[in-house]
Amino acid sequence: MAGILANFRNTVILSVILALLVVGAYATGPQGAGPIFVQAVFRWLHVFFGILWIGLLYYFNFVQIRKMPEIPAELKPAVSKYIAPEALFWFRWAALATVLMGLAIAGSRGYLAETLTLGFVGGYNPALDMQYALLGLGMWLGIIMMLNVWGIIWPNQKRALGIVEADADTKAKSARMAMLGSRTNLLLSIPMLASMSMSQSIFG
């Protein structure tokens, strides 16, 4: 077992196999592998990718961005050349997967149009559409955050980290833009999580 745990890839593979066994067990339940089961699979993947994405967002903001100024100059390349590019790989793809799985859940449950229009698709009725407005708010915050990852944070990080060629002035400006983009996502993430987590409990 220690040999498996000492290897990241083997640990992940074993974890996925165990998870698939659990998923398969749910498929043998009374609902079978029908629409409800498919929704449950989408939700599992949505939660997994969401934890990966937001976990890395919080790592960047709660740890890396705050502590980088305190790291001696000769040690900074250890972060900028090795840790940050790897973290950004998982960060950006998890962001995309989270949004896609969230849209898949809404689509499979039949309220994609309602949530994306904040309940206004057929005329807003507060008694019926408040749930779509609140959940849709969270969905739009997540979509904006994902677009921010791919459109602002990642392009600027590529220049700031030297993944693409840029002069020193451009690198400095790009680093600031990436930081501000990341802080924007931090700002949006907490209300987004409030919307997503409370909606399921309140409205089902």
N, C-alpha and C. Protein backbone atom coordinates (compact mmCIF):
# COMPACT_ATOMS: atom_id res chain seq x y z
N MET A 1 0.82 -1.21 0.00
CA MET A 1 0.00 0.00 0.00
C MET A 1 0.85 1.26 0.00
N ALA A 2 1.96 1.22 0.73
CA ALA A 2 2.85 2.39 0.76
C ALA A 2 3.38 2.70 -0.62
N GLY A 3 3.62 1.66 -1.43
CA GLY A 3 4.10 1.88 -2.79
C GLY A 3 3.08 2.62 -3.64
N ILE A 4 1.81 2.34 -3.42
CA ILE A 4 0.75 3.04 -4.16
C ILE A 4 0.66 4.48 -3.70
N LEU A 5 0.66 4.69 -2.37
CA LEU A 5 0.50 6.03 -1.84
C LEU A 5 1.70 6.93 -2.12
N ALA A 6 2.86 6.33 -2.33
CA ALA A 6 4.05 7.13 -2.62
C ALA A 6 4.05 7.66 -4.05
N ASN A 7 3.17 7.13 -4.89
CA ASN A 7 3.10 7.53 -6.30
C ASN A 7 1.77 8.25 -6.53
N PHE A 8 1.84 9.51 -6.95
CA PHE A 8 0.63 10.32 -7.14
C PHE A 8 -0.31 9.68 -8.15
N ARG A 9 0.19 9.28 -9.31
CA ARG A 9 -0.66 8.72 -10.36
C ARG A 9 -1.36 7.45 -9.88
N ASN A 10 -0.62 6.57 -9.23
CA ASN A 10 -1.22 5.32 -8.75
C ASN A 10 -2.29 5.58 -7.68
N THR A 11 -2.04 6.56 -6.82
CA THR A 11 -3.02 6.91 -5.80
C THR A 11 -4.31 7.39 -6.44
N VAL A 12 -4.18 8.28 -7.44
CA VAL A 12 -5.36 8.81 -8.12
C VAL A 12 -6.11 7.70 -8.86
N ILE A 13 -5.37 6.84 -9.54
CA ILE A 13 -6.00 5.73 -10.27
C ILE A 13 -6.79 4.84 -9.32
N LEU A 14 -6.18 4.48 -8.19
CA LEU A 14 -6.87 3.63 -7.21
C LEU A 14 -8.10 4.34 -6.65
N SER A 15 -7.98 5.63 -6.38
CA SER A 15 -9.10 6.39 -5.85
C SER A 15 -10.26 6.42 -6.85
N VAL A 16 -9.93 6.62 -8.13
CA VAL A 16 -10.97 6.64 -9.17
C VAL A 16 -11.64 5.27 -9.28
N ILE A 17 -10.85 4.20 -9.21
CA ILE A 17 -11.43 2.85 -9.26
C ILE A 17 -12.40 2.63 -8.11
N LEU A 18 -12.00 3.02 -6.90
CA LEU A 18 -12.87 2.88 -5.74
C LEU A 18 -14.13 3.72 -5.90
N ALA A 19 -13.96 4.94 -6.43
CA ALA A 19 -15.12 5.81 -6.65
C ALA A 19 -16.08 5.20 -7.66
N LEU A 20 -15.54 4.60 -8.72
CA LEU A 20 -16.39 3.98 -9.74
C LEU A 20 -17.15 2.79 -9.17
N LEU A 21 -16.54 2.08 -8.23
CA LEU A 21 -17.26 1.00 -7.55
C LEU A 21 -18.45 1.55 -6.76
N VAL A 22 -18.24 2.68 -6.08
CA VAL A 22 -19.33 3.32 -5.36
C VAL A 22 -20.42 3.78 -6.33
N VAL A 23 -19.99 4.42 -7.43
CA VAL A 23 -20.94 4.88 -8.44
C VAL A 23 -21.73 3.70 -9.00
N GLY A 24 -21.04 2.61 -9.27
CA GLY A 24 -21.71 1.42 -9.78
C GLY A 24 -22.71 0.86 -8.79
N ALA A 25 -22.40 0.94 -7.51
CA ALA A 25 -23.33 0.47 -6.49
C ALA A 25 -24.61 1.30 -6.50
N TYR A 26 -24.47 2.60 -6.69
CA TYR A 26 -25.66 3.46 -6.78
C TYR A 26 -26.51 3.09 -8.00
N ALA A 27 -25.86 2.64 -9.07
CA ALA A 27 -26.61 2.28 -10.28
C ALA A 27 -27.49 1.05 -10.06
N THR A 28 -27.18 0.27 -9.03
CA THR A 28 -28.00 -0.92 -8.75
C THR A 28 -29.18 -0.62 -7.84
N GLY A 29 -29.32 0.66 -7.45
CA GLY A 29 -30.42 1.05 -6.58
C GLY A 29 -31.75 1.04 -7.31
N PRO A 30 -32.83 1.43 -6.63
CA PRO A 30 -34.17 1.36 -7.22
C PRO A 30 -34.34 2.25 -8.45
N GLN A 31 -33.57 3.33 -8.53
CA GLN A 31 -33.68 4.22 -9.69
C GLN A 31 -32.90 3.70 -10.89
N GLY A 32 -32.05 2.67 -10.66
CA GLY A 32 -31.26 2.12 -11.74
C GLY A 32 -30.27 3.14 -12.29
N ALA A 33 -29.97 3.03 -13.57
CA ALA A 33 -29.02 3.95 -14.21
C ALA A 33 -29.77 4.96 -15.07
N GLY A 34 -30.94 5.37 -14.60
CA GLY A 34 -31.78 6.31 -15.35
C GLY A 34 -31.36 7.75 -15.15
N PRO A 35 -32.26 8.69 -15.46
CA PRO A 35 -31.94 10.12 -15.41
C PRO A 35 -31.44 10.62 -14.06
N ILE A 36 -32.03 10.13 -12.97
CA ILE A 36 -31.59 10.58 -11.65
C ILE A 36 -30.16 10.14 -11.38
N PHE A 37 -29.82 8.92 -11.80
CA PHE A 37 -28.45 8.44 -11.64
C PHE A 37 -27.48 9.30 -12.44
N VAL A 38 -27.86 9.63 -13.68
CA VAL A 38 -27.00 10.48 -14.53
C VAL A 38 -26.79 11.84 -13.87
N GLN A 39 -27.85 12.41 -13.32
CA GLN A 39 -27.73 13.68 -12.61
C GLN A 39 -26.76 13.56 -11.42
N ALA A 40 -26.85 12.44 -10.72
CA ALA A 40 -25.97 12.22 -9.57
C ALA A 40 -24.51 12.13 -10.00
N VAL A 41 -24.26 11.49 -11.13
CA VAL A 41 -22.88 11.41 -11.65
C VAL A 41 -22.38 12.80 -12.02
N PHE A 42 -23.22 13.59 -12.70
CA PHE A 42 -22.83 14.98 -13.03
C PHE A 42 -22.52 15.77 -11.76
N ARG A 43 -23.36 15.58 -10.73
CA ARG A 43 -23.14 16.33 -9.49
C ARG A 43 -21.84 15.91 -8.81
N TRP A 44 -21.57 14.61 -8.80
CA TRP A 44 -20.30 14.12 -8.22
C TRP A 44 -19.12 14.78 -8.93
N LEU A 45 -19.13 14.77 -10.26
CA LEU A 45 -18.03 15.36 -11.03
C LEU A 45 -17.97 16.88 -10.83
N HIS A 46 -19.14 17.51 -10.75
CA HIS A 46 -19.19 18.95 -10.51
C HIS A 46 -18.53 19.30 -9.18
N VAL A 47 -18.86 18.53 -8.15
CA VAL A 47 -18.28 18.78 -6.82
C VAL A 47 -16.77 18.51 -6.82
N PHE A 48 -16.35 17.40 -7.45
CA PHE A 48 -14.93 17.08 -7.48
C PHE A 48 -14.12 18.18 -8.17
N PHE A 49 -14.53 18.52 -9.38
CA PHE A 49 -13.78 19.55 -10.12
C PHE A 49 -13.88 20.91 -9.42
N GLY A 50 -15.04 21.18 -8.80
CA GLY A 50 -15.20 22.44 -8.09
C GLY A 50 -14.26 22.54 -6.90
N ILE A 51 -14.11 21.45 -6.16
CA ILE A 51 -13.18 21.46 -5.03
C ILE A 51 -11.75 21.68 -5.52
N LEU A 52 -11.39 21.00 -6.62
CA LEU A 52 -10.04 21.17 -7.17
C LEU A 52 -9.81 22.62 -7.60
N TRP A 53 -10.79 23.19 -8.31
CA TRP A 53 -10.65 24.56 -8.82
C TRP A 53 -10.60 25.58 -7.68
N ILE A 54 -11.63 25.56 -6.82
CA ILE A 54 -11.70 26.58 -5.78
C ILE A 54 -10.61 26.35 -4.73
N GLY A 55 -10.24 25.09 -4.51
CA GLY A 55 -9.13 24.81 -3.60
C GLY A 55 -7.84 25.47 -4.07
N LEU A 56 -7.57 25.37 -5.37
CA LEU A 56 -6.37 26.01 -5.91
C LEU A 56 -6.50 27.53 -5.91
N LEU A 57 -7.71 28.04 -6.19
CA LEU A 57 -7.93 29.49 -6.11
C LEU A 57 -7.60 29.98 -4.71
N TYR A 58 -8.04 29.24 -3.69
CA TYR A 58 -7.77 29.66 -2.32
C TYR A 58 -6.30 29.46 -1.96
N TYR A 59 -5.66 28.43 -2.50
CA TYR A 59 -4.21 28.29 -2.28
C TYR A 59 -3.48 29.50 -2.82
N PHE A 60 -3.81 29.90 -4.06
CA PHE A 60 -3.13 31.05 -4.66
C PHE A 60 -3.32 32.30 -3.80
N ASN A 61 -4.56 32.54 -3.36
CA ASN A 61 -4.87 33.80 -2.68
C ASN A 61 -4.54 33.79 -1.19
N PHE A 62 -4.80 32.67 -0.53
CA PHE A 62 -4.55 32.63 0.91
C PHE A 62 -3.07 32.36 1.23
N VAL A 63 -2.34 31.75 0.27
CA VAL A 63 -0.96 31.35 0.56
C VAL A 63 0.04 31.98 -0.41
N GLN A 64 -0.01 31.56 -1.69
CA GLN A 64 1.09 31.90 -2.60
C GLN A 64 1.24 33.39 -2.84
N ILE A 65 0.16 34.08 -3.23
CA ILE A 65 0.26 35.51 -3.53
C ILE A 65 0.70 36.29 -2.29
N ARG A 66 0.19 35.92 -1.14
CA ARG A 66 0.52 36.64 0.10
C ARG A 66 1.96 36.41 0.53
N LYS A 67 2.47 35.19 0.34
CA LYS A 67 3.79 34.85 0.88
C LYS A 67 4.93 35.07 -0.11
N MET A 68 4.62 35.19 -1.41
CA MET A 68 5.70 35.36 -2.39
C MET A 68 6.62 36.54 -2.10
N PRO A 69 6.12 37.70 -1.67
CA PRO A 69 7.04 38.81 -1.37
C PRO A 69 8.04 38.50 -0.26
N GLU A 70 7.73 37.54 0.60
CA GLU A 70 8.62 37.20 1.71
C GLU A 70 9.66 36.16 1.32
N ILE A 71 9.51 35.54 0.16
CA ILE A 71 10.45 34.51 -0.26
C ILE A 71 11.71 35.16 -0.82
N PRO A 72 12.90 34.74 -0.38
CA PRO A 72 14.14 35.32 -0.93
C PRO A 72 14.18 35.17 -2.44
N ALA A 73 14.78 36.15 -3.11
CA ALA A 73 14.79 36.20 -4.58
C ALA A 73 15.35 34.92 -5.19
N GLU A 74 16.38 34.36 -4.57
CA GLU A 74 17.00 33.17 -5.14
C GLU A 74 16.11 31.93 -5.05
N LEU A 75 15.08 31.98 -4.19
CA LEU A 75 14.18 30.84 -4.04
C LEU A 75 12.89 30.98 -4.85
N LYS A 76 12.58 32.18 -5.33
CA LYS A 76 11.33 32.41 -6.07
C LYS A 76 11.19 31.52 -7.30
N PRO A 77 12.29 31.24 -8.05
CA PRO A 77 12.13 30.37 -9.22
C PRO A 77 11.57 28.99 -8.90
N ALA A 78 11.76 28.51 -7.69
CA ALA A 78 11.21 27.20 -7.32
C ALA A 78 9.69 27.23 -7.43
N VAL A 79 9.09 28.37 -7.09
CA VAL A 79 7.63 28.52 -7.20
C VAL A 79 7.23 28.84 -8.62
N SER A 80 7.88 29.87 -9.20
CA SER A 80 7.44 30.36 -10.51
C SER A 80 7.73 29.40 -11.66
N LYS A 81 8.76 28.57 -11.53
CA LYS A 81 9.11 27.66 -12.63
C LYS A 81 8.56 26.25 -12.46
N TYR A 82 8.23 25.86 -11.24
CA TYR A 82 7.83 24.48 -11.01
C TYR A 82 6.42 24.36 -10.40
N ILE A 83 6.18 25.06 -9.30
CA ILE A 83 4.91 24.88 -8.61
C ILE A 83 3.77 25.60 -9.32
N ALA A 84 3.96 26.89 -9.64
CA ALA A 84 2.88 27.68 -10.23
C ALA A 84 2.39 27.12 -11.56
N PRO A 85 3.27 26.77 -12.52
CA PRO A 85 2.75 26.24 -13.80
C PRO A 85 1.94 24.96 -13.63
N GLU A 86 2.38 24.09 -12.73
CA GLU A 86 1.63 22.85 -12.49
C GLU A 86 0.29 23.14 -11.85
N ALA A 87 0.28 24.04 -10.85
CA ALA A 87 -0.98 24.40 -10.19
C ALA A 87 -1.93 25.06 -11.18
N LEU A 88 -1.41 25.89 -12.08
CA LEU A 88 -2.26 26.58 -13.05
C LEU A 88 -2.84 25.61 -14.08
N PHE A 89 -2.14 24.53 -14.37
CA PHE A 89 -2.68 23.52 -15.29
C PHE A 89 -3.96 22.94 -14.71
N TRP A 90 -3.87 22.45 -13.46
CA TRP A 90 -5.04 21.86 -12.83
C TRP A 90 -6.12 22.91 -12.58
N PHE A 91 -5.70 24.11 -12.25
CA PHE A 91 -6.61 25.22 -11.95
C PHE A 91 -7.50 25.55 -13.14
N ARG A 92 -6.91 25.74 -14.31
CA ARG A 92 -7.72 26.20 -15.45
C ARG A 92 -8.61 25.09 -16.00
N TRP A 93 -8.10 23.85 -16.04
CA TRP A 93 -8.92 22.77 -16.58
C TRP A 93 -10.03 22.37 -15.60
N ALA A 94 -9.74 22.46 -14.30
CA ALA A 94 -10.79 22.18 -13.31
C ALA A 94 -11.88 23.23 -13.39
N ALA A 95 -11.51 24.49 -13.66
CA ALA A 95 -12.50 25.55 -13.81
C ALA A 95 -13.45 25.24 -14.95
N LEU A 96 -12.90 24.85 -16.09
CA LEU A 96 -13.74 24.53 -17.25
C LEU A 96 -14.62 23.33 -16.97
N ALA A 97 -14.05 22.28 -16.39
CA ALA A 97 -14.82 21.07 -16.10
C ALA A 97 -15.93 21.34 -15.09
N THR A 98 -15.66 22.18 -14.10
CA THR A 98 -16.68 22.51 -13.10
C THR A 98 -17.89 23.17 -13.75
N VAL A 99 -17.63 24.14 -14.62
CA VAL A 99 -18.72 24.84 -15.28
C VAL A 99 -19.49 23.90 -16.21
N LEU A 100 -18.77 23.09 -16.96
CA LEU A 100 -19.45 22.16 -17.88
C LEU A 100 -20.34 21.16 -17.12
N MET A 101 -19.83 20.63 -16.01
CA MET A 101 -20.64 19.70 -15.22
C MET A 101 -21.82 20.40 -14.57
N GLY A 102 -21.64 21.65 -14.15
CA GLY A 102 -22.76 22.40 -13.60
C GLY A 102 -23.85 22.63 -14.63
N LEU A 103 -23.45 22.99 -15.85
CA LEU A 103 -24.43 23.17 -16.93
C LEU A 103 -25.10 21.85 -17.26
N ALA A 104 -24.34 20.75 -17.19
CA ALA A 104 -24.92 19.43 -17.46
C ALA A 104 -25.97 19.08 -16.42
N ILE A 105 -25.72 19.41 -15.16
CA ILE A 105 -26.71 19.16 -14.11
C ILE A 105 -27.99 19.94 -14.41
N ALA A 106 -27.83 21.24 -14.68
CA ALA A 106 -29.01 22.06 -14.94
C ALA A 106 -29.77 21.57 -16.17
N GLY A 107 -29.03 21.16 -17.19
CA GLY A 107 -29.67 20.65 -18.39
C GLY A 107 -30.40 19.35 -18.14
N SER A 108 -29.78 18.45 -17.40
CA SER A 108 -30.40 17.14 -17.15
C SER A 108 -31.60 17.26 -16.21
N ARG A 109 -31.63 18.31 -15.40
CA ARG A 109 -32.76 18.50 -14.49
C ARG A 109 -33.84 19.39 -15.11
N GLY A 110 -33.58 19.90 -16.30
CA GLY A 110 -34.60 20.63 -17.04
C GLY A 110 -34.78 22.08 -16.67
N TYR A 111 -33.78 22.70 -16.01
CA TYR A 111 -33.94 24.11 -15.67
C TYR A 111 -32.77 24.97 -16.16
N LEU A 112 -32.12 24.55 -17.22
CA LEU A 112 -30.97 25.31 -17.73
C LEU A 112 -31.41 26.70 -18.21
N ALA A 113 -32.48 26.77 -19.01
CA ALA A 113 -32.95 28.07 -19.52
C ALA A 113 -33.40 28.97 -18.37
N GLU A 114 -34.08 28.39 -17.39
CA GLU A 114 -34.57 29.17 -16.27
C GLU A 114 -33.43 29.79 -15.47
N THR A 115 -32.39 29.00 -15.20
CA THR A 115 -31.30 29.52 -14.39
C THR A 115 -30.44 30.51 -15.17
N LEU A 116 -30.19 30.24 -16.44
CA LEU A 116 -29.34 31.15 -17.21
C LEU A 116 -30.02 32.49 -17.47
N THR A 117 -31.35 32.51 -17.41
CA THR A 117 -32.09 33.78 -17.57
C THR A 117 -32.53 34.34 -16.22
N LEU A 118 -32.05 33.74 -15.13
CA LEU A 118 -32.38 34.17 -13.76
C LEU A 118 -33.89 34.13 -13.50
N GLY A 119 -34.56 33.17 -14.15
CA GLY A 119 -35.99 32.99 -13.93
C GLY A 119 -36.89 33.79 -14.84
N PHE A 120 -36.30 34.56 -15.76
CA PHE A 120 -37.10 35.45 -16.60
C PHE A 120 -37.50 34.82 -17.93
N VAL A 121 -37.18 33.55 -18.15
CA VAL A 121 -37.43 32.95 -19.46
C VAL A 121 -38.90 32.99 -19.86
N GLY A 122 -39.80 32.85 -18.91
CA GLY A 122 -41.22 32.86 -19.26
C GLY A 122 -41.98 33.94 -18.52
N GLY A 123 -41.26 34.99 -18.10
CA GLY A 123 -41.88 36.01 -17.26
C GLY A 123 -41.63 35.67 -15.80
N TYR A 124 -41.15 36.63 -15.04
CA TYR A 124 -40.71 36.35 -13.67
C TYR A 124 -41.88 36.31 -12.70
N ASN A 125 -41.97 35.21 -11.97
CA ASN A 125 -42.96 35.05 -10.90
C ASN A 125 -42.18 34.79 -9.61
N PRO A 126 -42.14 35.74 -8.68
CA PRO A 126 -41.32 35.58 -7.46
C PRO A 126 -41.58 34.29 -6.71
N ALA A 127 -42.81 33.85 -6.67
CA ALA A 127 -43.13 32.64 -5.92
C ALA A 127 -42.55 31.39 -6.56
N LEU A 128 -42.38 31.41 -7.87
CA LEU A 128 -41.90 30.23 -8.59
C LEU A 128 -40.45 30.35 -9.05
N ASP A 129 -40.03 31.55 -9.34
CA ASP A 129 -38.75 31.73 -10.04
C ASP A 129 -37.61 32.21 -9.16
N MET A 130 -37.89 32.48 -7.89
CA MET A 130 -36.80 32.93 -7.01
C MET A 130 -35.68 31.91 -6.95
N GLN A 131 -36.04 30.63 -6.92
CA GLN A 131 -35.01 29.59 -6.85
C GLN A 131 -34.11 29.62 -8.07
N TYR A 132 -34.70 29.87 -9.26
CA TYR A 132 -33.90 29.92 -10.47
C TYR A 132 -33.03 31.18 -10.50
N ALA A 133 -33.56 32.28 -9.97
CA ALA A 133 -32.79 33.52 -9.93
C ALA A 133 -31.56 33.37 -9.05
N LEU A 134 -31.76 32.77 -7.86
CA LEU A 134 -30.64 32.64 -6.92
C LEU A 134 -29.62 31.61 -7.40
N LEU A 135 -30.10 30.47 -7.90
CA LEU A 135 -29.17 29.47 -8.42
C LEU A 135 -28.50 29.99 -9.68
N GLY A 136 -29.26 30.69 -10.53
CA GLY A 136 -28.69 31.26 -11.75
C GLY A 136 -27.63 32.29 -11.45
N LEU A 137 -27.82 33.05 -10.37
CA LEU A 137 -26.79 34.01 -9.96
C LEU A 137 -25.48 33.30 -9.69
N GLY A 138 -25.56 32.20 -8.93
CA GLY A 138 -24.35 31.42 -8.65
C GLY A 138 -23.74 30.84 -9.91
N MET A 139 -24.59 30.37 -10.82
CA MET A 139 -24.08 29.82 -12.08
C MET A 139 -23.35 30.88 -12.88
N TRP A 140 -23.94 32.07 -12.97
CA TRP A 140 -23.30 33.14 -13.73
C TRP A 140 -22.00 33.60 -13.08
N LEU A 141 -21.97 33.63 -11.76
CA LEU A 141 -20.71 33.97 -11.08
C LEU A 141 -19.65 32.94 -11.42
N GLY A 142 -20.02 31.64 -11.43
CA GLY A 142 -19.07 30.59 -11.79
C GLY A 142 -18.61 30.71 -13.23
N ILE A 143 -19.53 31.02 -14.14
CA ILE A 143 -19.16 31.18 -15.56
C ILE A 143 -18.22 32.36 -15.72
N ILE A 144 -18.53 33.48 -15.07
CA ILE A 144 -17.65 34.66 -15.14
C ILE A 144 -16.27 34.33 -14.59
N MET A 145 -16.24 33.60 -13.48
CA MET A 145 -14.95 33.21 -12.90
C MET A 145 -14.16 32.32 -13.85
N MET A 146 -14.83 31.37 -14.50
CA MET A 146 -14.14 30.49 -15.45
C MET A 146 -13.60 31.28 -16.64
N LEU A 147 -14.39 32.21 -17.17
CA LEU A 147 -13.93 33.05 -18.28
C LEU A 147 -12.76 33.93 -17.85
N ASN A 148 -12.79 34.37 -16.60
CA ASN A 148 -11.69 35.15 -16.04
C ASN A 148 -10.40 34.31 -15.99
N VAL A 149 -10.56 33.04 -15.60
CA VAL A 149 -9.40 32.14 -15.56
C VAL A 149 -8.75 32.03 -16.93
N TRP A 150 -9.57 31.76 -17.94
CA TRP A 150 -9.03 31.51 -19.29
C TRP A 150 -8.71 32.80 -20.05
N GLY A 151 -9.45 33.88 -19.78
CA GLY A 151 -9.27 35.09 -20.57
C GLY A 151 -8.32 36.11 -19.98
N ILE A 152 -8.14 36.09 -18.64
CA ILE A 152 -7.29 37.09 -17.99
C ILE A 152 -6.16 36.44 -17.19
N ILE A 153 -6.50 35.56 -16.27
CA ILE A 153 -5.48 35.01 -15.38
C ILE A 153 -4.44 34.21 -16.14
N TRP A 154 -4.87 33.22 -16.92
CA TRP A 154 -3.93 32.34 -17.59
C TRP A 154 -3.07 33.07 -18.63
N PRO A 155 -3.63 33.90 -19.52
CA PRO A 155 -2.77 34.62 -20.48
C PRO A 155 -1.73 35.50 -19.78
N ASN A 156 -2.13 36.17 -18.70
CA ASN A 156 -1.17 37.01 -17.99
C ASN A 156 -0.15 36.20 -17.21
N GLN A 157 -0.57 35.07 -16.65
CA GLN A 157 0.38 34.22 -15.94
C GLN A 157 1.42 33.64 -16.89
N LYS A 158 1.02 33.33 -18.12
CA LYS A 158 2.00 32.80 -19.08
C LYS A 158 3.13 33.80 -19.32
N ARG A 159 2.78 35.08 -19.39
CA ARG A 159 3.82 36.10 -19.56
C ARG A 159 4.59 36.31 -18.27
N ALA A 160 3.88 36.39 -17.15
CA ALA A 160 4.54 36.66 -15.87
C ALA A 160 5.51 35.55 -15.48
N LEU A 161 5.18 34.31 -15.80
CA LEU A 161 6.02 33.17 -15.42
C LEU A 161 7.07 32.83 -16.47
N GLY A 162 7.05 33.54 -17.60
CA GLY A 162 8.04 33.27 -18.64
C GLY A 162 7.70 32.07 -19.51
N ILE A 163 6.46 31.61 -19.46
CA ILE A 163 6.05 30.50 -20.32
C ILE A 163 6.02 30.96 -21.77
N VAL A 164 5.65 32.23 -21.97
CA VAL A 164 5.80 32.88 -23.27
C VAL A 164 6.74 34.06 -23.09
N GLU A 165 7.45 34.42 -24.15
CA GLU A 165 8.45 35.48 -24.08
C GLU A 165 7.80 36.83 -23.80
N ALA A 166 8.40 37.58 -22.89
CA ALA A 166 7.94 38.94 -22.58
C ALA A 166 9.09 39.68 -21.89
N ASP A 167 9.14 41.01 -22.10
CA ASP A 167 10.19 41.79 -21.44
C ASP A 167 9.82 41.98 -19.97
N ALA A 168 10.76 42.53 -19.22
CA ALA A 168 10.59 42.64 -17.77
C ALA A 168 9.39 43.51 -17.40
N ASP A 169 9.19 44.61 -18.13
CA ASP A 169 8.06 45.49 -17.83
C ASP A 169 6.72 44.79 -18.09
N THR A 170 6.65 44.06 -19.20
CA THR A 170 5.43 43.32 -19.52
C THR A 170 5.17 42.24 -18.48
N LYS A 171 6.23 41.55 -18.05
CA LYS A 171 6.07 40.52 -17.02
C LYS A 171 5.50 41.10 -15.74
N ALA A 172 6.01 42.27 -15.33
CA ALA A 172 5.54 42.90 -14.10
C ALA A 172 4.07 43.30 -14.22
N LYS A 173 3.71 43.89 -15.36
CA LYS A 173 2.31 44.29 -15.57
C LYS A 173 1.40 43.07 -15.63
N SER A 174 1.87 42.01 -16.28
CA SER A 174 1.07 40.80 -16.39
C SER A 174 0.89 40.13 -15.03
N ALA A 175 1.94 40.15 -14.21
CA ALA A 175 1.84 39.57 -12.87
C ALA A 175 0.77 40.30 -12.05
N ARG A 176 0.74 41.63 -12.17
CA ARG A 176 -0.28 42.40 -11.44
C ARG A 176 -1.68 42.10 -11.98
N MET A 177 -1.81 42.02 -13.30
CA MET A 177 -3.12 41.72 -13.88
C MET A 177 -3.60 40.33 -13.45
N ALA A 178 -2.68 39.35 -13.43
CA ALA A 178 -3.05 38.00 -13.01
C ALA A 178 -3.48 38.00 -11.55
N MET A 179 -2.76 38.77 -10.73
CA MET A 179 -3.11 38.85 -9.30
C MET A 179 -4.50 39.47 -9.13
N LEU A 180 -4.77 40.56 -9.86
CA LEU A 180 -6.07 41.21 -9.74
C LEU A 180 -7.19 40.31 -10.26
N GLY A 181 -6.90 39.55 -11.33
CA GLY A 181 -7.88 38.59 -11.82
C GLY A 181 -8.18 37.51 -10.80
N SER A 182 -7.12 37.04 -10.14
CA SER A 182 -7.29 36.01 -9.12
C SER A 182 -8.05 36.55 -7.91
N ARG A 183 -7.75 37.79 -7.52
CA ARG A 183 -8.47 38.41 -6.40
C ARG A 183 -9.94 38.64 -6.76
N THR A 184 -10.21 38.94 -8.02
CA THR A 184 -11.60 39.08 -8.46
C THR A 184 -12.35 37.77 -8.28
N ASN A 185 -11.69 36.66 -8.67
CA ASN A 185 -12.33 35.36 -8.49
C ASN A 185 -12.52 35.01 -7.02
N LEU A 186 -11.57 35.40 -6.19
CA LEU A 186 -11.73 35.20 -4.75
C LEU A 186 -12.96 35.97 -4.25
N LEU A 187 -13.09 37.21 -4.70
CA LEU A 187 -14.23 38.05 -4.32
C LEU A 187 -15.55 37.41 -4.72
N LEU A 188 -15.61 36.86 -5.94
CA LEU A 188 -16.85 36.27 -6.45
C LEU A 188 -17.12 34.88 -5.90
N SER A 189 -16.08 34.20 -5.44
CA SER A 189 -16.22 32.79 -5.08
C SER A 189 -17.11 32.57 -3.86
N ILE A 190 -17.02 33.44 -2.87
CA ILE A 190 -17.77 33.20 -1.63
C ILE A 190 -19.27 33.37 -1.85
N PRO A 191 -19.73 34.45 -2.52
CA PRO A 191 -21.16 34.50 -2.84
C PRO A 191 -21.59 33.41 -3.81
N MET A 192 -20.71 33.02 -4.72
CA MET A 192 -21.04 31.92 -5.64
C MET A 192 -21.29 30.63 -4.86
N LEU A 193 -20.43 30.34 -3.89
CA LEU A 193 -20.59 29.13 -3.09
C LEU A 193 -21.84 29.21 -2.21
N ALA A 194 -22.16 30.41 -1.72
CA ALA A 194 -23.39 30.57 -0.94
C ALA A 194 -24.61 30.23 -1.80
N SER A 195 -24.61 30.73 -3.02
CA SER A 195 -25.72 30.46 -3.94
C SER A 195 -25.84 28.97 -4.24
N MET A 196 -24.71 28.35 -4.58
CA MET A 196 -24.73 26.95 -4.98
C MET A 196 -25.10 26.03 -3.81
N SER A 197 -24.51 26.24 -2.67
CA SER A 197 -24.70 25.31 -1.56
C SER A 197 -26.07 25.49 -0.89
N MET A 198 -26.57 26.71 -0.79
CA MET A 198 -27.83 26.92 -0.11
C MET A 198 -29.04 26.56 -0.99
N SER A 199 -28.89 26.69 -2.30
CA SER A 199 -30.01 26.42 -3.20
C SER A 199 -30.51 24.99 -3.07
N GLN A 200 -29.58 24.05 -3.03
CA GLN A 200 -29.97 22.63 -2.96
C GLN A 200 -30.74 22.33 -1.68
N SER A 201 -30.32 22.94 -0.57
CA SER A 201 -30.98 22.68 0.71
C SER A 201 -32.34 23.37 0.80
N ILE A 202 -32.43 24.58 0.29
CA ILE A 202 -33.67 25.36 0.45
C ILE A 202 -34.73 24.93 -0.57
N PHE A 203 -34.29 24.75 -1.83
CA PHE A 203 -35.25 24.50 -2.89
C PHE A 203 -35.27 23.04 -3.37
N GLY A 204 -34.24 22.27 -3.02
CA GLY A 204 -34.20 20.86 -3.42
C GLY A 204 -33.71 20.64 -4.83
